[in-house]
N, C-alpha and C. Protein backbone atom coordinates (compact mmCIF):
# COMPACT_ATOMS: atom_id res chain seq x y z
N MET A 1 -27.30 183.77 74.20
CA MET A 1 -26.98 182.97 75.38
C MET A 1 -27.91 181.82 74.85
N LEU A 2 -27.35 180.69 75.20
CA LEU A 2 -28.54 179.41 74.79
C LEU A 2 -29.18 179.46 75.95
N ARG A 3 -31.14 179.59 75.85
CA ARG A 3 -31.44 179.23 76.93
C ARG A 3 -32.70 178.11 76.74
N LYS A 4 -32.07 177.18 78.21
CA LYS A 4 -32.04 175.73 78.06
C LYS A 4 -33.21 175.63 79.23
N LYS A 5 -34.24 174.30 78.40
CA LYS A 5 -35.73 173.87 78.61
C LYS A 5 -35.54 172.37 79.56
N VAL A 6 -35.47 171.93 79.69
CA VAL A 6 -35.38 170.67 80.31
C VAL A 6 -36.60 169.76 80.03
N ARG A 7 -36.07 168.84 78.79
CA ARG A 7 -36.96 167.94 78.78
C ARG A 7 -37.29 166.64 78.79
N GLY A 8 -36.28 166.76 79.20
CA GLY A 8 -36.36 165.31 80.04
C GLY A 8 -35.44 164.59 81.23
N TYR A 9 -34.81 163.62 80.88
CA TYR A 9 -34.51 163.08 82.90
C TYR A 9 -33.49 162.05 81.66
N VAL A 10 -32.17 162.02 81.15
CA VAL A 10 -31.17 160.72 82.05
C VAL A 10 -30.98 160.04 83.29
N VAL A 11 -31.69 159.10 83.92
CA VAL A 11 -31.75 158.19 84.56
C VAL A 11 -30.21 156.49 84.82
N LEU A 12 -30.00 156.98 85.95
CA LEU A 12 -28.33 156.56 85.79
C LEU A 12 -28.48 155.35 87.32
N SER A 13 -28.26 154.50 87.22
CA SER A 13 -28.48 153.51 88.34
C SER A 13 -27.99 151.57 87.26
N THR A 14 -27.05 151.68 88.97
CA THR A 14 -26.10 150.40 88.04
C THR A 14 -27.75 148.92 88.76
N ILE A 15 -26.87 147.78 88.65
CA ILE A 15 -27.16 146.94 89.24
C ILE A 15 -26.66 145.28 89.25
N GLY A 16 -26.81 144.82 90.38
CA GLY A 16 -25.95 143.05 90.29
C GLY A 16 -25.75 142.09 89.85
N SER A 17 -26.89 141.68 88.57
CA SER A 17 -27.67 141.25 88.01
C SER A 17 -27.83 141.34 86.15
N HIS A 18 -27.92 140.37 85.13
CA HIS A 18 -28.43 140.45 83.87
C HIS A 18 -30.06 140.61 84.11
N ARG A 19 -30.33 139.75 84.73
CA ARG A 19 -31.32 138.91 85.35
C ARG A 19 -32.34 140.40 86.01
N LYS A 20 -31.73 140.74 87.13
CA LYS A 20 -32.19 141.70 87.74
C LYS A 20 -31.66 143.06 86.94
N ALA A 21 -31.35 143.02 86.34
CA ALA A 21 -31.38 144.11 85.40
C ALA A 21 -32.29 144.56 84.04
N ARG A 22 -32.41 142.65 83.61
CA ARG A 22 -33.87 142.67 83.19
C ARG A 22 -35.13 142.52 83.78
N VAL A 23 -35.29 142.62 84.94
CA VAL A 23 -36.52 142.50 85.36
C VAL A 23 -37.51 144.12 86.33
N LEU A 24 -35.55 145.19 86.70
CA LEU A 24 -36.15 145.92 86.60
C LEU A 24 -36.52 146.93 85.25
N ALA A 25 -35.83 146.87 84.14
CA ALA A 25 -36.35 147.81 82.99
C ALA A 25 -37.19 147.19 83.07
N SER A 26 -37.85 145.87 82.70
CA SER A 26 -39.31 146.18 81.73
C SER A 26 -40.28 146.29 83.30
N ALA A 27 -40.02 146.84 84.40
CA ALA A 27 -41.24 147.10 85.02
C ALA A 27 -41.55 149.15 84.85
N LEU A 28 -40.34 149.23 84.71
CA LEU A 28 -39.77 150.00 84.19
C LEU A 28 -40.58 151.12 82.87
N VAL A 29 -40.58 150.17 82.10
CA VAL A 29 -40.74 150.79 80.49
C VAL A 29 -43.19 150.02 80.75
N LYS A 30 -43.35 148.72 81.34
CA LYS A 30 -44.28 148.47 81.20
C LYS A 30 -45.45 149.03 81.91
N GLU A 31 -44.74 150.22 83.37
CA GLU A 31 -45.73 150.89 84.08
C GLU A 31 -45.56 152.48 83.01
N ARG A 32 -44.94 152.24 82.45
CA ARG A 32 -44.57 154.07 81.14
C ARG A 32 -44.07 154.75 82.21
N LEU A 33 -43.37 154.36 82.83
CA LEU A 33 -41.92 155.34 83.85
C LEU A 33 -41.27 155.84 82.79
N ALA A 34 -40.94 155.01 82.48
CA ALA A 34 -39.77 154.79 81.55
C ALA A 34 -40.01 154.88 80.13
N ALA A 35 -39.09 155.34 79.21
CA ALA A 35 -39.74 155.18 77.89
C ALA A 35 -39.02 154.12 76.83
N CYS A 36 -37.19 154.29 78.02
CA CYS A 36 -36.46 153.29 77.30
C CYS A 36 -35.44 153.30 78.45
N VAL A 37 -35.25 152.01 78.40
CA VAL A 37 -34.26 151.05 79.18
C VAL A 37 -32.63 150.80 78.50
N ASN A 38 -31.96 150.17 78.63
CA ASN A 38 -30.69 150.45 78.00
C ASN A 38 -30.00 150.27 79.06
N ILE A 39 -29.68 148.97 78.37
CA ILE A 39 -29.03 147.56 79.58
C ILE A 39 -26.81 147.49 79.43
N VAL A 40 -26.62 148.57 80.22
CA VAL A 40 -24.76 148.51 79.56
C VAL A 40 -24.45 147.22 80.29
N SER A 41 -23.50 145.83 80.30
CA SER A 41 -23.16 145.25 80.76
C SER A 41 -20.86 145.92 80.77
N GLY A 42 -20.98 144.62 81.14
CA GLY A 42 -18.36 144.93 81.79
C GLY A 42 -19.05 146.09 82.21
N VAL A 43 -19.99 146.32 83.62
CA VAL A 43 -19.57 147.26 83.81
C VAL A 43 -18.86 147.11 85.06
N ARG A 44 -17.22 147.99 85.72
CA ARG A 44 -17.37 147.11 87.21
C ARG A 44 -17.19 148.58 87.97
N SER A 45 -17.84 148.13 88.88
CA SER A 45 -17.66 149.07 89.55
C SER A 45 -17.15 149.11 91.58
N VAL A 46 -16.04 149.68 91.46
CA VAL A 46 -14.60 150.74 92.25
C VAL A 46 -15.38 151.82 93.82
N TYR A 47 -16.26 151.48 95.14
CA TYR A 47 -16.88 152.23 96.15
C TYR A 47 -16.13 152.03 97.33
N ILE A 48 -16.30 152.44 98.19
CA ILE A 48 -16.51 152.24 99.75
C ILE A 48 -17.79 151.74 100.49
N TRP A 49 -17.56 151.20 101.17
CA TRP A 49 -19.11 150.54 101.02
C TRP A 49 -18.52 150.18 103.03
N LYS A 50 -19.86 150.94 103.74
CA LYS A 50 -20.22 150.19 105.46
C LYS A 50 -18.54 150.15 105.70
N ASN A 51 -17.07 151.49 105.30
CA ASN A 51 -15.89 151.11 105.66
C ASN A 51 -15.02 149.62 105.32
N ARG A 52 -15.49 149.28 103.37
CA ARG A 52 -14.78 148.04 103.61
C ARG A 52 -14.49 149.47 101.74
N PHE A 53 -13.24 148.14 101.53
CA PHE A 53 -13.83 148.55 100.15
C PHE A 53 -13.86 148.34 98.79
N CYS A 54 -14.49 148.09 97.95
CA CYS A 54 -15.88 146.48 96.91
C CYS A 54 -15.17 147.22 95.53
N GLU A 55 -15.30 145.85 94.68
CA GLU A 55 -15.24 145.94 93.83
C GLU A 55 -15.44 145.31 92.34
N ASP A 56 -16.65 145.30 92.14
CA ASP A 56 -18.06 144.31 91.82
C ASP A 56 -18.14 144.94 90.17
N ARG A 57 -18.35 144.18 90.02
CA ARG A 57 -18.81 144.04 88.05
C ARG A 57 -20.71 143.85 88.30
N GLU A 58 -21.04 145.24 87.98
CA GLU A 58 -22.40 145.72 87.50
C GLU A 58 -23.38 145.43 86.36
N PHE A 59 -24.65 145.94 86.59
CA PHE A 59 -25.16 146.60 85.11
C PHE A 59 -25.36 147.80 84.97
N LEU A 60 -25.21 148.77 84.55
CA LEU A 60 -25.14 149.95 84.18
C LEU A 60 -27.39 150.36 83.42
N LEU A 61 -28.08 150.44 83.91
CA LEU A 61 -29.24 150.60 83.44
C LEU A 61 -29.24 152.46 82.87
N VAL A 62 -29.58 152.79 81.39
CA VAL A 62 -29.61 154.11 81.46
C VAL A 62 -31.01 154.82 80.74
N ILE A 63 -31.96 155.48 81.61
CA ILE A 63 -33.39 154.96 81.82
C ILE A 63 -33.71 156.37 81.54
N LYS A 64 -33.95 157.04 80.14
CA LYS A 64 -34.57 157.17 79.47
C LYS A 64 -36.09 157.91 79.82
N THR A 65 -36.44 158.61 81.15
CA THR A 65 -37.99 159.83 81.00
C THR A 65 -38.08 161.34 81.16
N SER A 66 -39.66 161.06 81.50
CA SER A 66 -40.00 162.53 81.01
C SER A 66 -39.83 163.11 82.87
N LYS A 67 -39.67 165.08 81.59
CA LYS A 67 -40.03 165.59 83.39
C LYS A 67 -41.15 164.91 84.64
N ALA A 68 -41.71 165.20 84.01
CA ALA A 68 -43.12 164.89 84.17
C ALA A 68 -43.22 163.16 84.48
N ARG A 69 -42.55 162.47 84.49
CA ARG A 69 -42.33 160.74 85.15
C ARG A 69 -41.80 160.62 86.51
N LEU A 70 -40.23 161.95 86.42
CA LEU A 70 -38.95 161.42 87.10
C LEU A 70 -39.27 160.62 88.46
N ASN A 71 -40.75 161.70 89.16
CA ASN A 71 -40.58 161.44 90.78
C ASN A 71 -41.09 160.64 90.30
N ARG A 72 -42.02 160.08 90.75
CA ARG A 72 -41.96 158.93 90.49
C ARG A 72 -41.65 156.82 89.78
N LEU A 73 -40.61 157.55 88.85
CA LEU A 73 -40.20 156.77 88.37
C LEU A 73 -38.46 156.14 89.17
N ILE A 74 -38.03 157.75 89.99
CA ILE A 74 -37.20 157.60 91.38
C ILE A 74 -38.09 156.78 92.51
N ALA A 75 -39.03 157.40 92.27
CA ALA A 75 -39.72 156.43 94.26
C ALA A 75 -39.39 154.53 93.51
N ARG A 76 -40.74 154.84 92.09
CA ARG A 76 -39.82 153.64 91.96
C ARG A 76 -38.73 152.25 92.17
N ILE A 77 -38.11 153.25 91.18
CA ILE A 77 -37.08 152.88 91.42
C ILE A 77 -36.21 152.39 92.88
N GLU A 78 -36.50 153.05 94.16
CA GLU A 78 -35.46 153.14 95.36
C GLU A 78 -37.38 152.08 95.96
N GLU A 79 -37.82 151.76 95.28
CA GLU A 79 -39.10 150.66 96.00
C GLU A 79 -38.76 149.24 95.48
N ILE A 80 -38.37 148.90 94.61
CA ILE A 80 -37.95 147.69 94.05
C ILE A 80 -36.75 147.41 93.78
N HIS A 81 -35.82 148.41 93.55
CA HIS A 81 -34.85 147.78 93.76
C HIS A 81 -33.52 146.54 94.86
N PRO A 82 -32.49 146.64 94.56
CA PRO A 82 -32.82 144.64 96.00
C PRO A 82 -31.53 145.36 96.84
N TYR A 83 -30.67 146.93 95.82
CA TYR A 83 -29.99 147.67 97.18
C TYR A 83 -29.80 148.83 97.57
N GLU A 84 -29.19 147.88 99.17
CA GLU A 84 -30.10 149.04 100.29
C GLU A 84 -30.40 150.30 99.62
N LEU A 85 -29.15 151.31 98.85
CA LEU A 85 -28.90 152.21 98.23
C LEU A 85 -28.36 152.00 97.07
N PRO A 86 -29.77 152.15 96.43
CA PRO A 86 -29.14 152.37 94.76
C PRO A 86 -28.87 153.85 94.31
N GLU A 87 -27.90 152.62 93.06
CA GLU A 87 -27.71 154.90 92.78
C GLU A 87 -29.32 154.74 91.45
N VAL A 88 -29.28 156.14 92.20
CA VAL A 88 -30.05 156.78 91.54
C VAL A 88 -30.43 158.52 91.19
N ILE A 89 -29.14 158.98 89.59
CA ILE A 89 -28.91 159.58 89.36
C ILE A 89 -29.97 160.24 87.72
N ALA A 90 -30.47 161.79 88.28
CA ALA A 90 -30.45 161.88 87.15
C ALA A 90 -29.72 163.62 86.51
N LEU A 91 -29.99 162.73 85.54
CA LEU A 91 -28.63 163.60 84.01
C LEU A 91 -30.62 164.46 83.07
N PRO A 92 -30.59 166.40 83.49
CA PRO A 92 -30.85 166.87 83.12
C PRO A 92 -30.46 166.57 81.21
N ILE A 93 -32.32 166.25 80.79
CA ILE A 93 -31.62 166.17 78.93
C ILE A 93 -32.29 167.76 78.57
N ASP A 94 -31.35 169.17 77.82
CA ASP A 94 -31.56 170.75 77.13
C ASP A 94 -31.89 169.92 75.92
N VAL A 95 -30.95 169.26 74.89
CA VAL A 95 -31.07 169.89 73.54
C VAL A 95 -30.82 167.86 73.20
N GLY A 96 -31.67 167.67 71.71
CA GLY A 96 -31.75 166.38 71.55
C GLY A 96 -32.83 166.63 70.43
N ALA A 97 -32.58 165.62 69.59
CA ALA A 97 -33.83 164.83 68.30
C ALA A 97 -34.73 165.70 68.77
N ARG A 98 -35.99 166.27 68.45
CA ARG A 98 -37.22 166.98 68.10
C ARG A 98 -38.11 165.92 68.60
N LYS A 99 -37.94 165.24 67.92
CA LYS A 99 -39.46 163.60 67.50
C LYS A 99 -39.00 162.86 68.79
N TYR A 100 -37.46 162.36 68.88
CA TYR A 100 -37.59 161.35 70.07
C TYR A 100 -37.94 162.32 71.38
N LEU A 101 -37.61 163.26 71.41
CA LEU A 101 -37.50 163.99 72.78
C LEU A 101 -39.01 164.32 72.88
N ARG A 102 -39.87 164.85 72.17
CA ARG A 102 -41.63 164.16 72.11
C ARG A 102 -42.23 162.73 72.47
N TRP A 103 -41.05 162.08 72.05
CA TRP A 103 -41.03 160.47 72.44
C TRP A 103 -41.59 160.00 73.02
N ILE A 104 -39.87 160.40 73.89
CA ILE A 104 -39.52 160.97 75.75
C ILE A 104 -40.77 161.17 76.23
N GLU A 105 -41.06 162.31 76.46
CA GLU A 105 -42.13 163.35 76.20
C GLU A 105 -44.00 162.05 76.60
N GLY A 106 -43.68 161.06 76.08
CA GLY A 106 -44.74 160.38 76.05
C GLY A 106 -46.36 160.82 75.35
């Protein structure tokens, strides 16, 4: 049986403009809450918000962070994100390249 140890997290969030994505990504990296943030364009989000059907163009932020920084990162996203209810989903990293995982852990 494979024993898994959480070595870090990939955190996903979406945002409505490239400029705002860059501002948020830069803040998280400069504040050392994230090792790296990828900004993925071309995302189309389809959802229900306040009983209304919505379909919007968004940018996906793929944020890599350590286990130790996760709670502070989530709190900071909630603090500075322009959405009333920002998407913040953390996926554990159980396995990966050792050197890369050490880099994420800082």
